[in-house]
C-alpha atoms as a PDB file:
ATOM      1  CA  MET A   1      83.618  -1.284  57.852  1.00  0.00           C
ATOM      2  CA  ALA A   2      86.760   0.845  58.195  1.00  0.00           C
ATOM      3  CA  GLY A   3      86.936   3.829  55.887  1.00  0.00           C
ATOM      4  CA  LYS A   4      83.196   4.578  55.914  1.00  0.00           C
ATOM      5  CA  ALA A   5      83.679   7.364  58.481  1.00  0.00           C
ATOM      6  CA  PHE A   6      80.627   6.486  60.555  1.00  0.00           C
ATOM      7  CA  LYS A   7      78.925   9.556  62.052  1.00  0.00           C
ATOM      8  CA  THR A   8      76.386   9.801  64.864  1.00  0.00           C
ATOM      9  CA  ASP A   9      73.459  12.199  65.110  1.00  0.00           C
ATOM     10  CA  TYR A  10      74.034  15.548  66.787  1.00  0.00           C
ATOM     11  CA  ILE A  11      73.214  16.072  70.463  1.00  0.00           C
ATOM     12  CA  ARG A  12      73.443  18.946  72.909  1.00  0.00           C
ATOM     13  CA  SER A  13      76.582  18.826  75.036  1.00  0.00           C
ATOM     14  CA  PRO A  14      76.806  19.324  78.789  1.00  0.00           C
ATOM     15  CA  LEU A  15      77.538  22.869  79.967  1.00  0.00           C
ATOM     16  CA  GLY A  16      81.201  23.675  79.487  1.00  0.00           C
ATOM     17  CA  ILE A  17      83.780  26.427  79.126  1.00  0.00           C
ATOM     18  CA  ILE A  18      85.006  27.618  75.737  1.00  0.00           C
ATOM     19  CA  SER A  19      88.767  27.801  75.299  1.00  0.00           C
ATOM     20  CA  TYR A  20      90.753  28.640  72.152  1.00  0.00           C
ATOM     21  CA  PRO A  21      87.683  29.588  70.080  1.00  0.00           C
ATOM     22  CA  ILE A  22      88.347  29.458  66.328  1.00  0.00           C
ATOM     23  CA  LEU A  23      84.951  30.568  65.075  1.00  0.00           C
ATOM     24  CA  GLU A  24      85.669  33.328  62.546  1.00  0.00           C
ATOM     25  CA  THR A  25      88.374  31.913  60.257  1.00  0.00           C
ATOM     26  CA  PRO A  26      89.049  28.150  60.075  1.00  0.00           C
ATOM     27  CA  LYS A  27      92.500  26.785  60.879  1.00  0.00           C
ATOM     28  CA  ALA A  28      94.133  23.382  60.448  1.00  0.00           C
ATOM     29  CA  SER A  29      94.852  21.752  63.818  1.00  0.00           C
ATOM     30  CA  GLY A  30      95.813  18.262  62.677  1.00  0.00           C
ATOM     31  CA  GLU A  31      94.066  16.597  65.630  1.00  0.00           C
ATOM     32  CA  ASP A  32      92.607  13.882  63.419  1.00  0.00           C
ATOM     33  CA  GLY A  33      95.486  13.978  60.961  1.00  0.00           C
ATOM     34  CA  ASP A  34      93.582  15.294  57.948  1.00  0.00           C
ATOM     35  CA  GLY A  35      95.235  18.739  57.787  1.00  0.00           C
ATOM     36  CA  ILE A  36      91.927  20.376  56.837  1.00  0.00           C
ATOM     37  CA  ALA A  37      91.163  23.915  58.056  1.00  0.00           C
ATOM     38  CA  LYS A  38      88.259  23.871  60.513  1.00  0.00           C
ATOM     39  CA  PHE A  39      86.255  26.042  62.850  1.00  0.00           C
ATOM     40  CA  SER A  40      86.730  24.663  66.354  1.00  0.00           C
ATOM     41  CA  VAL A  41      86.844  25.203  70.095  1.00  0.00           C
ATOM     42  CA  ALA A  42      88.471  23.509  73.019  1.00  0.00           C
ATOM     43  CA  PHE A  43      85.606  22.695  75.371  1.00  0.00           C
ATOM     44  CA  ILE A  44      86.320  22.124  79.063  1.00  0.00           C
ATOM     45  CA  MET A  45      84.037  20.123  81.360  1.00  0.00           C
ATOM     46  CA  ARG A  46      84.267  18.686  84.847  1.00  0.00           C
ATOM     47  CA  GLN A  47      85.103  14.995  85.048  1.00  0.00           C
ATOM     48  CA  ASP A  48      82.265  14.524  87.543  1.00  0.00           C
ATOM     49  CA  ASP A  49      79.640  16.147  85.293  1.00  0.00           C
ATOM     50  CA  LEU A  50      76.603  13.874  85.360  1.00  0.00           C
ATOM     51  CA  ASP A  51      76.047  14.460  81.632  1.00  0.00           C
ATOM     52  CA  LEU A  52      79.581  13.477  80.600  1.00  0.00           C
ATOM     53  CA  PRO A  53      78.643   9.766  80.156  1.00  0.00           C
ATOM     54  CA  LYS A  54      76.341  10.864  77.316  1.00  0.00           C
ATOM     55  CA  LEU A  55      79.372  12.116  75.383  1.00  0.00           C
ATOM     56  CA  ILE A  56      81.319   8.952  76.159  1.00  0.00           C
ATOM     57  CA  ALA A  57      78.380   6.883  74.876  1.00  0.00           C
ATOM     58  CA  LEU A  58      78.313   9.031  71.727  1.00  0.00           C
ATOM     59  CA  ALA A  59      81.990   8.320  71.072  1.00  0.00           C
ATOM     60  CA  HIS A  60      81.401   4.617  71.712  1.00  0.00           C
ATOM     61  CA  SER A  61      78.579   4.676  69.155  1.00  0.00           C
ATOM     62  CA  ALA A  62      81.010   5.924  66.518  1.00  0.00           C
ATOM     63  CA  VAL A  63      83.460   3.132  67.380  1.00  0.00           C
ATOM     64  CA  VAL A  64      80.803   0.435  67.151  1.00  0.00           C
ATOM     65  CA  GLY A  65      79.291   1.901  64.001  1.00  0.00           C
ATOM     66  CA  GLU A  66      82.640   1.899  62.211  1.00  0.00           C
ATOM     67  CA  TRP A  67      84.509  -1.115  63.572  1.00  0.00           C
ATOM     68  CA  GLY A  68      81.999  -3.190  65.542  1.00  0.00           C
ATOM     69  CA  GLU A  69      81.335  -3.901  69.219  1.00  0.00           C
ATOM     70  CA  LYS A  70      84.632  -5.696  69.848  1.00  0.00           C
ATOM     71  CA  ALA A  71      86.567  -2.557  68.856  1.00  0.00           C
ATOM     72  CA  LEU A  72      85.480  -0.902  72.108  1.00  0.00           C
ATOM     73  CA  GLU A  73      88.269  -2.933  73.721  1.00  0.00           C
ATOM     74  CA  ASP A  74      90.737  -0.821  71.719  1.00  0.00           C
ATOM     75  CA  PHE A  75      89.173   2.569  72.497  1.00  0.00           C
ATOM     76  CA  GLY A  76      91.658   4.834  74.253  1.00  0.00           C
ATOM     77  CA  LYS A  77      94.608   2.488  73.774  1.00  0.00           C
ATOM     78  CA  PRO A  78      97.816   3.799  72.142  1.00  0.00           C
ATOM     79  CA  ARG A  79      98.327   3.437  68.409  1.00  0.00           C
ATOM     80  CA  GLU A  80     101.202   0.971  68.836  1.00  0.00           C
ATOM     81  CA  ASP A  81      98.699  -1.419  70.399  1.00  0.00           C
ATOM     82  CA  ASP A  82      96.345  -0.902  67.442  1.00  0.00           C
ATOM     83  CA  GLY A  83      94.297   1.383  69.659  1.00  0.00           C
ATOM     84  CA  ILE A  84      91.561   3.831  68.729  1.00  0.00           C
ATOM     85  CA  LYS A  85      92.372   7.410  69.690  1.00  0.00           C
ATOM     86  CA  SER A  86      89.890   8.897  72.162  1.00  0.00           C
ATOM     87  CA  PRO A  87      88.604  12.472  71.714  1.00  0.00           C
ATOM     88  CA  PHE A  88      88.687  13.037  75.489  1.00  0.00           C
ATOM     89  CA  LEU A  89      91.747  14.741  76.980  1.00  0.00           C
ATOM     90  CA  ASP A  90      92.589  14.960  80.683  1.00  0.00           C
ATOM     91  CA  GLY A  91      92.915  18.604  81.708  1.00  0.00           C
ATOM     92  CA  GLY A  92      94.959  17.533  84.722  1.00  0.00           C
ATOM     93  CA  ARG A  93      97.845  16.156  82.657  1.00  0.00           C
ATOM     94  CA  LYS A  94     101.120  18.017  83.090  1.00  0.00           C
ATOM     95  CA  LYS A  95     101.033  19.559  79.600  1.00  0.00           C
ATOM     96  CA  TYR A  96      97.597  21.119  80.281  1.00  0.00           C
ATOM     97  CA  ALA A  97      97.299  21.491  84.065  1.00  0.00           C
ATOM     98  CA  ASP A  98      98.912  24.935  84.272  1.00  0.00           C
ATOM     99  CA  LYS A  99      96.801  26.430  81.495  1.00  0.00           C
ATOM    100  CA  PRO A 100      94.046  28.753  82.755  1.00  0.00           C
ATOM    101  CA  GLY A 101      90.701  26.966  82.819  1.00  0.00           C
ATOM    102  CA  TYR A 102      92.196  23.481  82.884  1.00  0.00           C
ATOM    103  CA  GLY A 103      93.575  21.489  85.796  1.00  0.00           C
ATOM    104  CA  LYS A 104      92.791  18.527  88.027  1.00  0.00           C
ATOM    105  CA  GLY A 105      89.226  17.282  87.684  1.00  0.00           C
ATOM    106  CA  THR A 106      88.676  18.654  84.182  1.00  0.00           C
ATOM    107  CA  VAL A 107      88.321  16.921  80.828  1.00  0.00           C
ATOM    108  CA  PHE A 108      88.164  18.595  77.440  1.00  0.00           C
ATOM    109  CA  ILE A 109      87.342  17.890  73.809  1.00  0.00           C
ATOM    110  CA  ARG A 110      88.174  19.690  70.547  1.00  0.00           C
ATOM    111  CA  PRO A 111      85.123  19.536  68.279  1.00  0.00           C
ATOM    112  CA  GLY A 112      85.488  21.043  64.810  1.00  0.00           C
ATOM    113  CA  THR A 113      83.758  21.569  61.485  1.00  0.00           C
ATOM    114  CA  THR A 114      84.591  22.759  57.977  1.00  0.00           C
ATOM    115  CA  ILE A 115      81.280  24.663  57.863  1.00  0.00           C
ATOM    116  CA  LYS A 116      80.933  27.713  60.092  1.00  0.00           C
ATOM    117  CA  PRO A 117      78.777  26.697  63.087  1.00  0.00           C
ATOM    118  CA  GLU A 118      75.643  28.528  64.138  1.00  0.00           C
ATOM    119  CA  LEU A 119      76.337  30.885  67.033  1.00  0.00           C
ATOM    120  CA  VAL A 120      73.419  31.883  69.266  1.00  0.00           C
ATOM    121  CA  ASP A 121      72.755  33.349  72.687  1.00  0.00           C
ATOM    122  CA  TRP A 122      70.595  31.989  75.544  1.00  0.00           C
ATOM    123  CA  ASN A 123      67.482  33.102  73.630  1.00  0.00           C
ATOM    124  CA  LYS A 124      68.690  31.420  70.422  1.00  0.00           C
ATOM    125  CA  LYS A 125      69.347  34.817  68.807  1.00  0.00           C
ATOM    126  CA  PRO A 126      72.304  34.873  66.367  1.00  0.00           C
ATOM    127  CA  ILE A 127      75.496  36.436  67.692  1.00  0.00           C
ATOM    128  CA  GLU A 128      78.878  37.336  66.195  1.00  0.00           C
ATOM    129  CA  SER A 129      81.862  35.079  66.762  1.00  0.00           C
ATOM    130  CA  ALA A 130      83.792  37.922  68.390  1.00  0.00           C
ATOM    131  CA  LEU A 131      81.390  37.848  71.337  1.00  0.00           C
ATOM    132  CA  ILE A 132      82.401  34.283  72.264  1.00  0.00           C
ATOM    133  CA  TYR A 133      85.577  34.569  74.294  1.00  0.00           C
ATOM    134  CA  PRO A 134      87.901  32.174  76.172  1.00  0.00           C
ATOM    135  CA  GLY A 135      85.986  31.588  79.391  1.00  0.00           C
ATOM    136  CA  SER A 136      82.492  31.723  77.879  1.00  0.00           C
ATOM    137  CA  ALA A 137      80.100  29.179  79.360  1.00  0.00           C
ATOM    138  CA  ALA A 138      78.201  27.427  76.589  1.00  0.00           C
ATOM    139  CA  TYR A 139      76.428  24.407  75.211  1.00  0.00           C
ATOM    140  CA  LEU A 140      77.510  22.856  71.909  1.00  0.00           C
ATOM    141  CA  GLY A 141      75.755  20.928  69.189  1.00  0.00           C
ATOM    142  CA  ILE A 142      78.124  18.021  68.565  1.00  0.00           C
ATOM    143  CA  ASN A 143      78.333  14.600  66.981  1.00  0.00           C
ATOM    144  CA  ALA A 144      80.991  11.885  66.964  1.00  0.00           C
ATOM    145  CA  PHE A 145      82.665  10.410  63.912  1.00  0.00           C
ATOM    146  CA  ALA A 146      85.260   7.720  63.242  1.00  0.00           C
ATOM    147  CA  TRP A 147      88.390   8.181  61.160  1.00  0.00           C
ATOM    148  CA  ASN A 148      91.336   6.120  59.951  1.00  0.00           C
ATOM    149  CA  ASN A 149      94.446   7.510  58.268  1.00  0.00           C
ATOM    150  CA  ALA A 150      98.073   6.617  57.691  1.00  0.00           C
ATOM    151  CA  LYS A 151      99.400   9.378  59.943  1.00  0.00           C
ATOM    152  CA  GLN A 152      97.504   8.647  63.152  1.00  0.00           C
ATOM    153  CA  GLY A 153      95.781   5.330  62.623  1.00  0.00           C
ATOM    154  CA  ARG A 154      92.247   4.949  63.987  1.00  0.00           C
ATOM    155  CA  GLY A 155      90.360   7.433  66.103  1.00  0.00           C
ATOM    156  CA  VAL A 156      87.149   9.206  67.026  1.00  0.00           C
ATOM    157  CA  SER A 157      86.612  12.972  66.992  1.00  0.00           C
ATOM    158  CA  PHE A 158      83.700  15.283  67.684  1.00  0.00           C
ATOM    159  CA  GLY A 159      82.069  17.433  65.022  1.00  0.00           C
ATOM    160  CA  LEU A 160      80.621  20.861  65.801  1.00  0.00           C
ATOM    161  CA  SER A 161      77.361  22.296  64.452  1.00  0.00           C
ATOM    162  CA  ALA A 162      76.358  25.077  66.851  1.00  0.00           C
ATOM    163  CA  VAL A 163      77.396  27.043  69.935  1.00  0.00           C
ATOM    164  CA  GLN A 164      74.939  28.504  72.438  1.00  0.00           C
ATOM    165  CA  ALA A 165      76.457  31.060  74.803  1.00  0.00           C
ATOM    166  CA  VAL A 166      74.888  30.892  78.271  1.00  0.00           C
ATOM    167  CA  SER A 167      75.952  34.455  79.012  1.00  0.00           C
ATOM    168  CA  LEU A 168      78.033  37.245  77.489  1.00  0.00           C
ATOM    169  CA  ASP A 169      78.665  38.811  80.896  1.00  0.00           C
ATOM    170  CA  LYS A 170      82.411  38.710  81.574  1.00  0.00           C
ATOM    171  CA  LYS A 171      81.872  39.594  85.230  1.00  0.00           C
ATOM    172  CA  ARG A 172      79.717  36.517  85.731  1.00  0.00           C
ATOM    173  CA  TYR A 173      81.836  34.314  83.440  1.00  0.00           C
ATOM    174  CA  PRO A 174      85.383  35.739  83.577  1.00  0.00           C
ATOM    175  CA  VAL A 175      87.784  35.638  80.669  1.00  0.00           C
ATOM    176  CA  ILE A 176      90.266  32.789  81.101  1.00  0.00           C
ATOM    177  CA  GLY A 177      93.740  34.163  81.649  1.00  0.00           C
ATOM    178  CA  GLY A 178      96.338  33.813  84.379  1.00  0.00           C
ATOM    179  CA  GLY A 179      95.903  32.496  87.891  1.00  0.00           C
ATOM    180  CA  THR A 180      93.985  29.352  88.748  1.00  0.00           C
ATOM    181  CA  ALA A 181      91.451  27.402  86.717  1.00  0.00           C
ATOM    182  CA  ALA A 182      88.147  29.164  86.066  1.00  0.00           C
ATOM    183  CA  THR A 183      85.950  26.058  86.165  1.00  0.00           C
ATOM    184  CA  ASP A 184      84.693  26.474  89.734  1.00  0.00           C
ATOM    185  CA  ARG A 185      83.525  29.998  88.946  1.00  0.00           C
ATOM    186  CA  VAL A 186      81.085  28.867  86.280  1.00  0.00           C
ATOM    187  CA  PHE A 187      80.027  25.253  86.679  1.00  0.00           C
ATOM    188  CA  GLY A 188      76.801  24.645  88.505  1.00  0.00           C
ATOM    189  CA  VAL A 189      75.241  27.846  87.103  1.00  0.00           C
ATOM    190  CA  VAL A 190      73.238  26.732  84.087  1.00  0.00           C
ATOM    191  CA  ASP A 191      70.442  29.249  83.568  1.00  0.00           C
ATOM    192  CA  GLY A 192      72.551  31.961  81.978  1.00  0.00           C
ATOM    193  CA  GLU A 193      70.816  35.267  81.366  1.00  0.00           C
ATOM    194  CA  GLY A 194      67.646  33.540  80.185  1.00  0.00           C
ATOM    195  CA  ALA A 195      65.825  30.274  80.774  1.00  0.00           C
ATOM    196  CA  ALA A 196      67.717  27.005  81.001  1.00  0.00           C
ATOM    197  CA  VAL A 197      68.224  25.229  77.718  1.00  0.00           C
ATOM    198  CA  ALA A 198      65.828  22.363  77.029  1.00  0.00           C
ATOM    199  CA  GLY A 199      66.929  18.742  77.394  1.00  0.00           C
ATOM    200  CA  ASP A 200      68.990  16.598  75.070  1.00  0.00           C
ATOM    201  CA  THR A 201      67.876  16.104  71.493  1.00  0.00           C
ATOM    202  CA  SER A 202      69.482  14.565  68.458  1.00  0.00           C
ATOM    203  CA  GLY A 203      69.189  15.200  64.766  1.00  0.00           C
ATOM    204  CA  GLU A 204      70.695  17.435  62.109  1.00  0.00           C
ATOM    205  CA  GLY A 205      72.521  19.667  64.538  1.00  0.00           C
ATOM    206  CA  GLY A 206      70.914  23.081  63.973  1.00  0.00           C
ATOM    207  CA  ALA A 207      70.671  25.535  66.857  1.00  0.00           C
ATOM    208  CA  ALA A 208      66.865  25.717  66.704  1.00  0.00           C
ATOM    209  CA  GLU A 209      66.569  21.939  66.989  1.00  0.00           C
ATOM    210  CA  LEU A 210      69.278  21.317  69.586  1.00  0.00           C
ATOM    211  CA  PHE A 211      68.750  24.204  71.966  1.00  0.00           C
ATOM    212  CA  GLY A 212      65.067  23.894  72.763  1.00  0.00           C
END
């Protein structure tokens, strides 16, 4: 089944913090080894978020859909052990821990897309990419897909279809920069400036469908 690039449906992510938003002009990051320019964000969540297992299950679905149930044994293992690269990164690792917004107890993903994602506010009204800043609290429309290439072997990444900003108030959700991690200042507050976003859905990944 390798090479078919199995993709899951889109779901709404847990609440998280946007970091390194690339939402106006796509850039090549090379995370999945394809060298293709993409729109993307780094998306920081708490490791104890009760909704995080939904994202792990989504990644597992991509593994099973591409390589079969037994391949789950290889998920997260290093390439030299014929492992499957995980899209989840530990924000507490030394290379990330000192970056504002990251640190012990955080996990992050880097979803991307070649097509500019829909950007909306808490009322699902379109907004400009410039309004989404490092430190914005948001929900994402994401899916998981499998890949296999000569440079990095096998892996799973997250695709990105939409971003819903919970608030554009930088006093309530400070810009990430300097000092300690910003996660404790935003997590646990989920209603934004409007009503809370509706529950999980799956489908084509549009903002109207995913965000209630």
